[in-house]
Amino acid sequence: MERSQKLKEMLANKISEEITNIKFNSLLSIEKSSPKVLNVSFNGTKGEVLTHFLGMYQIYVSTGSACSSKKGNSRILEVMGLTQSELDGAIRFSFSKDNTEKEIDEVVKRLKESVERIRKMR
């Protein structure tokens, strides 16, 4: 199994264990999805706000692909039938050969803290 795929699955599993009210928008199957990208919706948050919270910890995620950065909601996620809340709370994690399991643990810790803080502000 490719290293990126292993990290993607690890992140997905830990997110589902630690954070409620989420939706995975990427398939985990290596045959049907890129092993280097995981897209997740965190209901009750705004993706832009969550990216800023995570950026304070030097964790850099995005709300979409580079080619769709100025176009609002992802057309792909819209076609998949996501609700507006799911579209608003979607963020994209990307993986490289340089990422580590320790980094995944730190991401999940900071992600959980950030999602909880944002949801409390609503």
PDB file of N, CA and C in Angstrom:
ATOM      1  N   MET A   1       0.853  -1.180   0.000  1.00  0.00           N
ATOM      2  CA  MET A   1       0.000   0.000   0.000  1.00  0.00           C
ATOM      3  C   MET A   1       0.897   1.241   0.000  1.00  0.00           C
ATOM      4  N   GLU A   2       0.517   2.180  -0.821  1.00  0.00           N
ATOM      5  CA  GLU A   2       1.260   3.431  -0.905  1.00  0.00           C
ATOM      6  C   GLU A   2       1.200   4.168   0.442  1.00  0.00           C
ATOM      7  N   ARG A   3       2.312   4.795   0.788  1.00  0.00           N
ATOM      8  CA  ARG A   3       2.414   5.506   2.074  1.00  0.00           C
ATOM      9  C   ARG A   3       1.313   6.561   2.213  1.00  0.00           C
ATOM     10  N   SER A   4       1.067   7.322   1.168  1.00  0.00           N
ATOM     11  CA  SER A   4       0.027   8.355   1.224  1.00  0.00           C
ATOM     12  C   SER A   4      -1.336   7.750   1.531  1.00  0.00           C
ATOM     13  N   GLN A   5      -1.628   6.607   0.942  1.00  0.00           N
ATOM     14  CA  GLN A   5      -2.911   5.940   1.190  1.00  0.00           C
ATOM     15  C   GLN A   5      -3.017   5.518   2.644  1.00  0.00           C
ATOM     16  N   LYS A   6      -1.941   5.004   3.197  1.00  0.00           N
ATOM     17  CA  LYS A   6      -1.937   4.596   4.610  1.00  0.00           C
ATOM     18  C   LYS A   6      -2.223   5.792   5.516  1.00  0.00           C
ATOM     19  N   LEU A   7      -1.580   6.932   5.223  1.00  0.00           N
ATOM     20  CA  LEU A   7      -1.803   8.134   6.024  1.00  0.00           C
ATOM     21  C   LEU A   7      -3.222   8.666   5.853  1.00  0.00           C
ATOM     22  N   LYS A   8      -3.735   8.599   4.632  1.00  0.00           N
ATOM     23  CA  LYS A   8      -5.112   9.040   4.365  1.00  0.00           C
ATOM     24  C   LYS A   8      -6.100   8.211   5.185  1.00  0.00           C
ATOM     25  N   GLU A   9      -5.931   6.905   5.183  1.00  0.00           N
ATOM     26  CA  GLU A   9      -6.823   6.034   5.946  1.00  0.00           C
ATOM     27  C   GLU A   9      -6.679   6.273   7.446  1.00  0.00           C
ATOM     28  N   MET A  10      -5.441   6.490   7.889  1.00  0.00           N
ATOM     29  CA  MET A  10      -5.200   6.765   9.302  1.00  0.00           C
ATOM     30  C   MET A  10      -5.907   8.055   9.726  1.00  0.00           C
ATOM     31  N   LEU A  11      -5.769   9.108   8.922  1.00  0.00           N
ATOM     32  CA  LEU A  11      -6.427  10.372   9.232  1.00  0.00           C
ATOM     33  C   LEU A  11      -7.943  10.199   9.252  1.00  0.00           C
ATOM     34  N   ALA A  12      -8.492   9.528   8.258  1.00  0.00           N
ATOM     35  CA  ALA A  12      -9.942   9.322   8.196  1.00  0.00           C
ATOM     36  C   ALA A  12     -10.444   8.560   9.417  1.00  0.00           C
ATOM     37  N   ASN A  13      -9.740   7.513   9.793  1.00  0.00           N
ATOM     38  CA  ASN A  13     -10.155   6.720  10.957  1.00  0.00           C
ATOM     39  C   ASN A  13     -10.114   7.544  12.236  1.00  0.00           C
ATOM     40  N   LYS A  14      -9.055   8.305  12.418  1.00  0.00           N
ATOM     41  CA  LYS A  14      -8.922   9.100  13.643  1.00  0.00           C
ATOM     42  C   LYS A  14      -9.947  10.235  13.679  1.00  0.00           C
ATOM     43  N   ILE A  15     -10.213  10.854  12.539  1.00  0.00           N
ATOM     44  CA  ILE A  15     -11.244  11.897  12.494  1.00  0.00           C
ATOM     45  C   ILE A  15     -12.597  11.307  12.884  1.00  0.00           C
ATOM     46  N   SER A  16     -12.934  10.144  12.314  1.00  0.00           N
ATOM     47  CA  SER A  16     -14.245   9.556  12.611  1.00  0.00           C
ATOM     48  C   SER A  16     -14.356   9.126  14.072  1.00  0.00           C
ATOM     49  N   GLU A  17     -13.229   8.790  14.711  1.00  0.00           N
ATOM     50  CA  GLU A  17     -13.244   8.419  16.126  1.00  0.00           C
ATOM     51  C   GLU A  17     -13.361   9.640  17.041  1.00  0.00           C
ATOM     52  N   GLU A  18     -12.822  10.767  16.626  1.00  0.00           N
ATOM     53  CA  GLU A  18     -12.681  11.930  17.514  1.00  0.00           C
ATOM     54  C   GLU A  18     -13.688  13.056  17.299  1.00  0.00           C
ATOM     55  N   ILE A  19     -14.266  13.146  16.103  1.00  0.00           N
ATOM     56  CA  ILE A  19     -15.098  14.308  15.779  1.00  0.00           C
ATOM     57  C   ILE A  19     -16.451  13.840  15.254  1.00  0.00           C
ATOM     58  N   THR A  20     -17.510  14.413  15.782  1.00  0.00           N
ATOM     59  CA  THR A  20     -18.865  14.053  15.364  1.00  0.00           C
ATOM     60  C   THR A  20     -19.347  14.980  14.250  1.00  0.00           C
ATOM     61  N   ASN A  21     -20.458  14.588  13.648  1.00  0.00           N
ATOM     62  CA  ASN A  21     -21.153  15.406  12.643  1.00  0.00           C
ATOM     63  C   ASN A  21     -20.241  15.785  11.477  1.00  0.00           C
ATOM     64  N   ILE A  22     -19.653  14.744  10.888  1.00  0.00           N
ATOM     65  CA  ILE A  22     -18.756  14.923   9.744  1.00  0.00           C
ATOM     66  C   ILE A  22     -19.258  14.092   8.571  1.00  0.00           C
ATOM     67  N   LYS A  23     -18.725  14.379   7.407  1.00  0.00           N
ATOM     68  CA  LYS A  23     -19.027  13.572   6.223  1.00  0.00           C
ATOM     69  C   LYS A  23     -17.767  13.486   5.383  1.00  0.00           C
ATOM     70  N   PHE A  24     -17.372  12.267   5.043  1.00  0.00           N
ATOM     71  CA  PHE A  24     -16.238  12.082   4.144  1.00  0.00           C
ATOM     72  C   PHE A  24     -16.729  12.227   2.713  1.00  0.00           C
ATOM     73  N   ASN A  25     -16.114  13.135   1.982  1.00  0.00           N
ATOM     74  CA  ASN A  25     -16.495  13.393   0.601  1.00  0.00           C
ATOM     75  C   ASN A  25     -15.564  12.686  -0.379  1.00  0.00           C
ATOM     76  N   SER A  26     -14.483  12.129   0.128  1.00  0.00           N
ATOM     77  CA  SER A  26     -13.543  11.337  -0.668  1.00  0.00           C
ATOM     78  C   SER A  26     -13.758   9.877  -0.329  1.00  0.00           C
ATOM     79  N   LEU A  27     -13.650   9.049  -1.331  1.00  0.00           N
ATOM     80  CA  LEU A  27     -13.666   7.612  -1.080  1.00  0.00           C
ATOM     81  C   LEU A  27     -12.318   7.212  -0.503  1.00  0.00           C
ATOM     82  N   LEU A  28     -12.303   6.179   0.302  1.00  0.00           N
ATOM     83  CA  LEU A  28     -11.039   5.711   0.863  1.00  0.00           C
ATOM     84  C   LEU A  28     -10.392   4.633  -0.011  1.00  0.00           C
ATOM     85  N   SER A  29     -11.133   4.088  -0.948  1.00  0.00           N
ATOM     86  CA  SER A  29     -10.611   3.052  -1.836  1.00  0.00           C
ATOM     87  C   SER A  29      -9.538   3.616  -2.756  1.00  0.00           C
ATOM     88  N   ILE A  30      -8.384   2.981  -2.776  1.00  0.00           N
ATOM     89  CA  ILE A  30      -7.281   3.443  -3.624  1.00  0.00           C
ATOM     90  C   ILE A  30      -7.624   3.272  -5.108  1.00  0.00           C
ATOM     91  N   GLU A  31      -8.527   2.350  -5.402  1.00  0.00           N
ATOM     92  CA  GLU A  31      -8.920   2.123  -6.795  1.00  0.00           C
ATOM     93  C   GLU A  31      -9.844   3.223  -7.323  1.00  0.00           C
ATOM     94  N   LYS A  32     -10.525   3.930  -6.421  1.00  0.00           N
ATOM     95  CA  LYS A  32     -11.540   4.894  -6.851  1.00  0.00           C
ATOM     96  C   LYS A  32     -11.274   6.324  -6.406  1.00  0.00           C
ATOM     97  N   SER A  33     -10.138   6.565  -5.744  1.00  0.00           N
ATOM     98  CA  SER A  33      -9.863   7.895  -5.211  1.00  0.00           C
ATOM     99  C   SER A  33      -8.358   8.096  -5.109  1.00  0.00           C
ATOM    100  N   SER A  34      -7.937   9.331  -5.211  1.00  0.00           N
ATOM    101  CA  SER A  34      -6.520   9.646  -5.066  1.00  0.00           C
ATOM    102  C   SER A  34      -6.046   9.328  -3.652  1.00  0.00           C
ATOM    103  N   PRO A  35      -4.904   8.668  -3.531  1.00  0.00           N
ATOM    104  CA  PRO A  35      -4.368   8.399  -2.202  1.00  0.00           C
ATOM    105  C   PRO A  35      -3.780   9.654  -1.544  1.00  0.00           C
ATOM    106  N   LYS A  36      -3.712  10.735  -2.269  1.00  0.00           N
ATOM    107  CA  LYS A  36      -3.052  11.943  -1.776  1.00  0.00           C
ATOM    108  C   LYS A  36      -4.016  13.031  -1.312  1.00  0.00           C
ATOM    109  N   VAL A  37      -5.334  12.767  -1.370  1.00  0.00           N
ATOM    110  CA  VAL A  37      -6.313  13.794  -1.012  1.00  0.00           C
ATOM    111  C   VAL A  37      -7.448  13.186  -0.192  1.00  0.00           C
ATOM    112  N   LEU A  38      -7.845  13.896   0.869  1.00  0.00           N
ATOM    113  CA  LEU A  38      -9.010  13.526   1.663  1.00  0.00           C
ATOM    114  C   LEU A  38      -9.844  14.785   1.864  1.00  0.00           C
ATOM    115  N   ASN A  39     -11.100  14.742   1.437  1.00  0.00           N
ATOM    116  CA  ASN A  39     -12.001  15.872   1.599  1.00  0.00           C
ATOM    117  C   ASN A  39     -13.050  15.487   2.631  1.00  0.00           C
ATOM    118  N   VAL A  40     -13.222  16.345   3.626  1.00  0.00           N
ATOM    119  CA  VAL A  40     -14.143  16.070   4.735  1.00  0.00           C
ATOM    120  C   VAL A  40     -14.969  17.312   5.020  1.00  0.00           C
ATOM    121  N   SER A  41     -16.271  17.112   5.261  1.00  0.00           N
ATOM    122  CA  SER A  41     -17.148  18.203   5.696  1.00  0.00           C
ATOM    123  C   SER A  41     -17.339  18.129   7.194  1.00  0.00           C
ATOM    124  N   PHE A  42     -17.146  19.267   7.845  1.00  0.00           N
ATOM    125  CA  PHE A  42     -17.356  19.395   9.288  1.00  0.00           C
ATOM    126  C   PHE A  42     -18.569  20.294   9.474  1.00  0.00           C
ATOM    127  N   ASN A  43     -19.739  19.677   9.647  1.00  0.00           N
ATOM    128  CA  ASN A  43     -20.970  20.443   9.791  1.00  0.00           C
ATOM    129  C   ASN A  43     -20.882  21.349  11.012  1.00  0.00           C
ATOM    130  N   GLY A  44     -21.468  22.539  10.874  1.00  0.00           N
ATOM    131  CA  GLY A  44     -21.427  23.506  11.959  1.00  0.00           C
ATOM    132  C   GLY A  44     -20.168  24.353  11.950  1.00  0.00           C
ATOM    133  N   THR A  45     -19.387  24.251  10.883  1.00  0.00           N
ATOM    134  CA  THR A  45     -18.196  25.084  10.727  1.00  0.00           C
ATOM    135  C   THR A  45     -18.211  25.704   9.338  1.00  0.00           C
ATOM    136  N   LYS A  46     -17.344  26.633   9.114  1.00  0.00           N
ATOM    137  CA  LYS A  46     -17.081  27.180   7.790  1.00  0.00           C
ATOM    138  C   LYS A  46     -15.655  26.774   7.436  1.00  0.00           C
ATOM    139  N   GLY A  47     -15.473  26.211   6.260  1.00  0.00           N
ATOM    140  CA  GLY A  47     -14.159  25.746   5.851  1.00  0.00           C
ATOM    141  C   GLY A  47     -13.092  26.818   5.925  1.00  0.00           C
ATOM    142  N   GLU A  48     -13.451  28.045   5.533  1.00  0.00           N
ATOM    143  CA  GLU A  48     -12.473  29.142   5.558  1.00  0.00           C
ATOM    144  C   GLU A  48     -12.014  29.437   6.985  1.00  0.00           C
ATOM    145  N   VAL A  49     -12.953  29.406   7.922  1.00  0.00           N
ATOM    146  CA  VAL A  49     -12.620  29.664   9.323  1.00  0.00           C
ATOM    147  C   VAL A  49     -11.741  28.538   9.864  1.00  0.00           C
ATOM    148  N   LEU A  50     -12.097  27.313   9.543  1.00  0.00           N
ATOM    149  CA  LEU A  50     -11.328  26.168  10.011  1.00  0.00           C
ATOM    150  C   LEU A  50      -9.903  26.185   9.446  1.00  0.00           C
ATOM    151  N   THR A  51      -9.750  26.586   8.198  1.00  0.00           N
ATOM    152  CA  THR A  51      -8.390  26.667   7.628  1.00  0.00           C
ATOM    153  C   THR A  51      -7.554  27.695   8.385  1.00  0.00           C
ATOM    154  N   HIS A  52      -8.156  28.796   8.798  1.00  0.00           N
ATOM    155  CA  HIS A  52      -7.419  29.816   9.556  1.00  0.00           C
ATOM    156  C   HIS A  52      -7.049  29.310  10.948  1.00  0.00           C
ATOM    157  N   PHE A  53      -7.981  28.628  11.597  1.00  0.00           N
ATOM    158  CA  PHE A  53      -7.682  28.063  12.921  1.00  0.00           C
ATOM    159  C   PHE A  53      -6.506  27.097  12.821  1.00  0.00           C
ATOM    160  N   LEU A  54      -6.543  26.202  11.850  1.00  0.00           N
ATOM    161  CA  LEU A  54      -5.471  25.213  11.702  1.00  0.00           C
ATOM    162  C   LEU A  54      -4.158  25.872  11.294  1.00  0.00           C
ATOM    163  N   GLY A  55      -4.242  26.932  10.515  1.00  0.00           N
ATOM    164  CA  GLY A  55      -3.043  27.653  10.102  1.00  0.00           C
ATOM    165  C   GLY A  55      -2.274  28.225  11.281  1.00  0.00           C
ATOM    166  N   MET A  56      -2.971  28.534  12.367  1.00  0.00           N
ATOM    167  CA  MET A  56      -2.293  29.037  13.568  1.00  0.00           C
ATOM    168  C   MET A  56      -1.341  27.987  14.148  1.00  0.00           C
ATOM    169  N   TYR A  57      -1.580  26.719  13.806  1.00  0.00           N
ATOM    170  CA  TYR A  57      -0.723  25.619  14.270  1.00  0.00           C
ATOM    171  C   TYR A  57       0.211  25.118  13.164  1.00  0.00           C
ATOM    172  N   GLN A  58       0.345  25.907  12.112  1.00  0.00           N
ATOM    173  CA  GLN A  58       1.144  25.529  10.945  1.00  0.00           C
ATOM    174  C   GLN A  58       0.621  24.255  10.284  1.00  0.00           C
ATOM    175  N   ILE A  59      -0.688  24.077  10.312  1.00  0.00           N
ATOM    176  CA  ILE A  59      -1.352  22.982   9.606  1.00  0.00           C
ATOM    177  C   ILE A  59      -2.098  23.632   8.455  1.00  0.00           C
ATOM    178  N   TYR A  60      -1.685  23.302   7.247  1.00  0.00           N
ATOM    179  CA  TYR A  60      -2.215  23.984   6.073  1.00  0.00           C
ATOM    180  C   TYR A  60      -3.090  23.046   5.256  1.00  0.00           C
ATOM    181  N   VAL A  61      -4.359  23.400   5.195  1.00  0.00           N
ATOM    182  CA  VAL A  61      -5.370  22.676   4.427  1.00  0.00           C
ATOM    183  C   VAL A  61      -6.025  23.684   3.487  1.00  0.00           C
ATOM    184  N   SER A  62      -6.912  23.212   2.650  1.00  0.00           N
ATOM    185  CA  SER A  62      -7.591  24.135   1.745  1.00  0.00           C
ATOM    186  C   SER A  62      -9.080  23.819   1.707  1.00  0.00           C
ATOM    187  N   THR A  63      -9.819  24.740   1.119  1.00  0.00           N
ATOM    188  CA  THR A  63     -11.258  24.521   0.963  1.00  0.00           C
ATOM    189  C   THR A  63     -11.582  23.965  -0.416  1.00  0.00           C
ATOM    190  N   GLY A  64     -10.586  23.784  -1.252  1.00  0.00           N
ATOM    191  CA  GLY A  64     -10.808  23.210  -2.577  1.00  0.00           C
ATOM    192  C   GLY A  64      -9.515  23.076  -3.329  1.00  0.00           C
ATOM    193  N   SER A  65      -9.632  22.628  -4.556  1.00  0.00           N
ATOM    194  CA  SER A  65      -8.449  22.478  -5.394  1.00  0.00           C
ATOM    195  C   SER A  65      -7.967  23.850  -5.857  1.00  0.00           C
ATOM    196  N   ALA A  66      -6.727  23.920  -6.273  1.00  0.00           N
ATOM    197  CA  ALA A  66      -6.162  25.197  -6.721  1.00  0.00           C
ATOM    198  C   ALA A  66      -6.941  25.766  -7.904  1.00  0.00           C
ATOM    199  N   CYS A  67      -7.425  24.907  -8.768  1.00  0.00           N
ATOM    200  CA  CYS A  67      -8.132  25.396  -9.960  1.00  0.00           C
ATOM    201  C   CYS A  67      -9.529  25.920  -9.640  1.00  0.00           C
ATOM    202  N   SER A  68     -10.034  25.668  -8.429  1.00  0.00           N
ATOM    203  CA  SER A  68     -11.376  26.153  -8.075  1.00  0.00           C
ATOM    204  C   SER A  68     -11.339  27.166  -6.943  1.00  0.00           C
ATOM    205  N   SER A  69     -10.170  27.700  -6.629  1.00  0.00           N
ATOM    206  CA  SER A  69     -10.023  28.525  -5.433  1.00  0.00           C
ATOM    207  C   SER A  69     -10.829  29.817  -5.449  1.00  0.00           C
ATOM    208  N   LYS A  70     -11.184  30.352  -6.592  1.00  0.00           N
ATOM    209  CA  LYS A  70     -11.920  31.620  -6.654  1.00  0.00           C
ATOM    210  C   LYS A  70     -13.367  31.441  -7.114  1.00  0.00           C
ATOM    211  N   LYS A  71     -13.843  30.212  -7.171  1.00  0.00           N
ATOM    212  CA  LYS A  71     -15.146  29.962  -7.776  1.00  0.00           C
ATOM    213  C   LYS A  71     -16.247  29.603  -6.786  1.00  0.00           C
ATOM    214  N   GLY A  72     -16.029  29.774  -5.494  1.00  0.00           N
ATOM    215  CA  GLY A  72     -17.060  29.436  -4.521  1.00  0.00           C
ATOM    216  C   GLY A  72     -17.100  27.949  -4.255  1.00  0.00           C
ATOM    217  N   ASN A  73     -18.304  27.399  -4.133  1.00  0.00           N
ATOM    218  CA  ASN A  73     -18.458  25.982  -3.835  1.00  0.00           C
ATOM    219  C   ASN A  73     -17.883  25.112  -4.943  1.00  0.00           C
ATOM    220  N   SER A  74     -17.366  23.962  -4.547  1.00  0.00           N
ATOM    221  CA  SER A  74     -16.859  22.984  -5.504  1.00  0.00           C
ATOM    222  C   SER A  74     -18.016  22.430  -6.328  1.00  0.00           C
ATOM    223  N   ARG A  75     -17.886  22.495  -7.634  1.00  0.00           N
ATOM    224  CA  ARG A  75     -18.924  21.922  -8.504  1.00  0.00           C
ATOM    225  C   ARG A  75     -19.039  20.418  -8.288  1.00  0.00           C
ATOM    226  N   ILE A  76     -17.907  19.761  -8.050  1.00  0.00           N
ATOM    227  CA  ILE A  76     -17.928  18.314  -7.832  1.00  0.00           C
ATOM    228  C   ILE A  76     -18.715  17.981  -6.569  1.00  0.00           C
ATOM    229  N   LEU A  77     -18.458  18.702  -5.494  1.00  0.00           N
ATOM    230  CA  LEU A  77     -19.185  18.436  -4.249  1.00  0.00           C
ATOM    231  C   LEU A  77     -20.664  18.762  -4.405  1.00  0.00           C
ATOM    232  N   GLU A  78     -20.980  19.798  -5.176  1.00  0.00           N
ATOM    233  CA  GLU A  78     -22.388  20.128  -5.433  1.00  0.00           C
ATOM    234  C   GLU A  78     -23.076  18.990  -6.182  1.00  0.00           C
ATOM    235  N   VAL A  79     -22.425  18.470  -7.206  1.00  0.00           N
ATOM    236  CA  VAL A  79     -22.988  17.372  -7.999  1.00  0.00           C
ATOM    237  C   VAL A  79     -23.159  16.113  -7.147  1.00  0.00           C
ATOM    238  N   MET A  80     -22.298  15.947  -6.162  1.00  0.00           N
ATOM    239  CA  MET A  80     -22.407  14.796  -5.258  1.00  0.00           C
ATOM    240  C   MET A  80     -23.607  14.925  -4.327  1.00  0.00           C
ATOM    241  N   GLY A  81     -24.265  16.103  -4.327  1.00  0.00           N
ATOM    242  CA  GLY A  81     -25.483  16.287  -3.552  1.00  0.00           C
ATOM    243  C   GLY A  81     -25.276  16.736  -2.121  1.00  0.00           C
ATOM    244  N   LEU A  82     -24.134  17.349  -1.822  1.00  0.00           N
ATOM    245  CA  LEU A  82     -23.902  17.832  -0.465  1.00  0.00           C
ATOM    246  C   LEU A  82     -24.862  18.961  -0.129  1.00  0.00           C
ATOM    247  N   THR A  83     -25.254  19.024   1.134  1.00  0.00           N
ATOM    248  CA  THR A  83     -26.094  20.122   1.597  1.00  0.00           C
ATOM    249  C   THR A  83     -25.234  21.387   1.663  1.00  0.00           C
ATOM    250  N   GLN A  84     -25.870  22.542   1.832  1.00  0.00           N
ATOM    251  CA  GLN A  84     -25.108  23.786   1.933  1.00  0.00           C
ATOM    252  C   GLN A  84     -24.184  23.756   3.147  1.00  0.00           C
ATOM    253  N   SER A  85     -24.652  23.193   4.258  1.00  0.00           N
ATOM    254  CA  SER A  85     -23.818  23.082   5.454  1.00  0.00           C
ATOM    255  C   SER A  85     -22.584  22.219   5.185  1.00  0.00           C
ATOM    256  N   GLU A  86     -22.768  21.132   4.455  1.00  0.00           N
ATOM    257  CA  GLU A  86     -21.633  20.263   4.113  1.00  0.00           C
ATOM    258  C   GLU A  86     -20.678  20.957   3.154  1.00  0.00           C
ATOM    259  N   LEU A  87     -21.218  21.708   2.196  1.00  0.00           N
ATOM    260  CA  LEU A  87     -20.369  22.475   1.277  1.00  0.00           C
ATOM    261  C   LEU A  87     -19.573  23.530   2.033  1.00  0.00           C
ATOM    262  N   ASP A  88     -20.252  24.231   2.936  1.00  0.00           N
ATOM    263  CA  ASP A  88     -19.594  25.302   3.697  1.00  0.00           C
ATOM    264  C   ASP A  88     -18.480  24.771   4.590  1.00  0.00           C
ATOM    265  N   GLY A  89     -18.658  23.578   5.148  1.00  0.00           N
ATOM    266  CA  GLY A  89     -17.698  23.030   6.106  1.00  0.00           C
ATOM    267  C   GLY A  89     -16.673  22.087   5.519  1.00  0.00           C
ATOM    268  N   ALA A  90     -16.580  22.041   4.190  1.00  0.00           N
ATOM    269  CA  ALA A  90     -15.657  21.094   3.542  1.00  0.00           C
ATOM    270  C   ALA A  90     -14.233  21.638   3.501  1.00  0.00           C
ATOM    271  N   ILE A  91     -13.294  20.785   3.903  1.00  0.00           N
ATOM    272  CA  ILE A  91     -11.877  21.106   3.741  1.00  0.00           C
ATOM    273  C   ILE A  91     -11.162  19.909   3.130  1.00  0.00           C
ATOM    274  N   ARG A  92     -10.029  20.204   2.547  1.00  0.00           N
ATOM    275  CA  ARG A  92      -9.267  19.220   1.795  1.00  0.00           C
ATOM    276  C   ARG A  92      -7.880  19.061   2.415  1.00  0.00           C
ATOM    277  N   PHE A  93      -7.550  17.825   2.761  1.00  0.00           N
ATOM    278  CA  PHE A  93      -6.224  17.481   3.264  1.00  0.00           C
ATOM    279  C   PHE A  93      -5.435  16.862   2.112  1.00  0.00           C
ATOM    280  N   SER A  94      -4.201  17.262   1.957  1.00  0.00           N
ATOM    281  CA  SER A  94      -3.333  16.680   0.933  1.00  0.00           C
ATOM    282  C   SER A  94      -2.142  16.029   1.612  1.00  0.00           C
ATOM    283  N   PHE A  95      -1.656  14.945   1.025  1.00  0.00           N
ATOM    284  CA  PHE A  95      -0.574  14.170   1.604  1.00  0.00           C
ATOM    285  C   PHE A  95       0.616  14.125   0.658  1.00  0.00           C
ATOM    286  N   SER A  96       1.806  14.064   1.251  1.00  0.00           N
ATOM    287  CA  SER A  96       3.026  13.905   0.471  1.00  0.00           C
ATOM    288  C   SER A  96       3.867  12.794   1.093  1.00  0.00           C
ATOM    289  N   LYS A  97       4.927  12.454   0.419  1.00  0.00           N
ATOM    290  CA  LYS A  97       5.827  11.415   0.920  1.00  0.00           C
ATOM    291  C   LYS A  97       6.510  11.837   2.219  1.00  0.00           C
ATOM    292  N   ASP A  98       6.491  13.128   2.510  1.00  0.00           N
ATOM    293  CA  ASP A  98       7.177  13.645   3.691  1.00  0.00           C
ATOM    294  C   ASP A  98       6.326  13.639   4.954  1.00  0.00           C
ATOM    295  N   ASN A  99       5.019  13.406   4.826  1.00  0.00           N
ATOM    296  CA  ASN A  99       4.158  13.400   6.011  1.00  0.00           C
ATOM    297  C   ASN A  99       4.426  12.173   6.871  1.00  0.00           C
ATOM    298  N   THR A 100       4.166  12.327   8.178  1.00  0.00           N
ATOM    299  CA  THR A 100       4.420  11.243   9.131  1.00  0.00           C
ATOM    300  C   THR A 100       3.166  10.910   9.930  1.00  0.00           C
ATOM    301  N   GLU A 101       3.195   9.760  10.576  1.00  0.00           N
ATOM    302  CA  GLU A 101       2.088   9.366  11.445  1.00  0.00           C
ATOM    303  C   GLU A 101       1.983  10.318  12.641  1.00  0.00           C
ATOM    304  N   LYS A 102       3.095  10.784  13.134  1.00  0.00           N
ATOM    305  CA  LYS A 102       3.089  11.745  14.245  1.00  0.00           C
ATOM    306  C   LYS A 102       2.361  13.029  13.832  1.00  0.00           C
ATOM    307  N   GLU A 103       2.567  13.466  12.594  1.00  0.00           N
ATOM    308  CA  GLU A 103       1.869  14.661  12.103  1.00  0.00           C
ATOM    309  C   GLU A 103       0.361  14.418  12.034  1.00  0.00           C
ATOM    310  N   ILE A 104      -0.040  13.223  11.646  1.00  0.00           N
ATOM    311  CA  ILE A 104      -1.476  12.903  11.587  1.00  0.00           C
ATOM    312  C   ILE A 104      -2.081  13.040  12.983  1.00  0.00           C
ATOM    313  N   ASP A 105      -1.388  12.524  13.993  1.00  0.00           N
ATOM    314  CA  ASP A 105      -1.883  12.634  15.369  1.00  0.00           C
ATOM    315  C   ASP A 105      -2.035  14.103  15.781  1.00  0.00           C
ATOM    316  N   GLU A 106      -1.055  14.918  15.433  1.00  0.00           N
ATOM    317  CA  GLU A 106      -1.117  16.347  15.769  1.00  0.00           C
ATOM    318  C   GLU A 106      -2.258  17.037  15.019  1.00  0.00           C
ATOM    319  N   VAL A 107      -2.442  16.699  13.758  1.00  0.00           N
ATOM    320  CA  VAL A 107      -3.530  17.281  12.971  1.00  0.00           C
ATOM    321  C   VAL A 107      -4.871  16.966  13.616  1.00  0.00           C
ATOM    322  N   VAL A 108      -5.074  15.716  13.994  1.00  0.00           N
ATOM    323  CA  VAL A 108      -6.356  15.329  14.587  1.00  0.00           C
ATOM    324  C   VAL A 108      -6.577  16.056  15.910  1.00  0.00           C
ATOM    325  N   LYS A 109      -5.547  16.169  16.716  1.00  0.00           N
ATOM    326  CA  LYS A 109      -5.661  16.882  17.993  1.00  0.00           C
ATOM    327  C   LYS A 109      -6.079  18.328  17.760  1.00  0.00           C
ATOM    328  N   ARG A 110      -5.377  19.026  16.874  1.00  0.00           N
ATOM    329  CA  ARG A 110      -5.672  20.435  16.611  1.00  0.00           C
ATOM    330  C   ARG A 110      -6.995  20.605  15.872  1.00  0.00           C
ATOM    331  N   LEU A 111      -7.315  19.677  15.005  1.00  0.00           N
ATOM    332  CA  LEU A 111      -8.573  19.722  14.273  1.00  0.00           C
ATOM    333  C   LEU A 111      -9.756  19.591  15.227  1.00  0.00           C
ATOM    334  N   LYS A 112      -9.674  18.656  16.147  1.00  0.00           N
ATOM    335  CA  LYS A 112     -10.748  18.463  17.118  1.00  0.00           C
ATOM    336  C   LYS A 112     -10.935  19.721  17.960  1.00  0.00           C
ATOM    337  N   GLU A 113      -9.835  20.279  18.464  1.00  0.00           N
ATOM    338  CA  GLU A 113      -9.910  21.514  19.252  1.00  0.00           C
ATOM    339  C   GLU A 113     -10.554  22.641  18.442  1.00  0.00           C
ATOM    340  N   SER A 114     -10.128  22.781  17.210  1.00  0.00           N
ATOM    341  CA  SER A 114     -10.612  23.872  16.361  1.00  0.00           C
ATOM    342  C   SER A 114     -12.079  23.723  16.024  1.00  0.00           C
ATOM    343  N   VAL A 115     -12.497  22.525  15.649  1.00  0.00           N
ATOM    344  CA  VAL A 115     -13.906  22.284  15.314  1.00  0.00           C
ATOM    345  C   VAL A 115     -14.779  22.565  16.528  1.00  0.00           C
ATOM    346  N   GLU A 116     -14.357  22.112  17.691  1.00  0.00           N
ATOM    347  CA  GLU A 116     -15.146  22.350  18.905  1.00  0.00           C
ATOM    348  C   GLU A 116     -15.264  23.846  19.201  1.00  0.00           C
ATOM    349  N   ARG A 117     -14.179  24.568  19.065  1.00  0.00           N
ATOM    350  CA  ARG A 117     -14.209  26.030  19.314  1.00  0.00           C
ATOM    351  C   ARG A 117     -15.127  26.738  18.316  1.00  0.00           C
ATOM    352  N   ILE A 118     -15.037  26.376  17.063  1.00  0.00           N
ATOM    353  CA  ILE A 118     -15.860  27.026  16.035  1.00  0.00           C
ATOM    354  C   ILE A 118     -17.331  26.717  16.266  1.00  0.00           C
ATOM    355  N   ARG A 119     -17.646  25.485  16.568  1.00  0.00           N
ATOM    356  CA  ARG A 119     -19.042  25.111  16.791  1.00  0.00           C
ATOM    357  C   ARG A 119     -19.628  25.828  18.009  1.00  0.00           C
ATOM    358  N   LYS A 120     -18.819  26.085  19.022  1.00  0.00           N
ATOM    359  CA  LYS A 120     -19.308  26.789  20.207  1.00  0.00           C
ATOM    360  C   LYS A 120     -19.594  28.258  19.907  1.00  0.00           C
ATOM    361  N   MET A 121     -18.964  28.817  18.911  1.00  0.00           N
ATOM    362  CA  MET A 121     -19.157  30.230  18.557  1.00  0.00           C
ATOM    363  C   MET A 121     -20.455  30.468  17.819  1.00  0.00           C
ATOM    364  N   ARG A 122     -21.095  29.436  17.343  1.00  0.00           N
ATOM    365  CA  ARG A 122     -22.314  29.581  16.551  1.00  0.00           C
ATOM    366  C   ARG A 122     -23.472  30.059  17.371  1.00  0.00           C
TER     367      ARG A 122
END
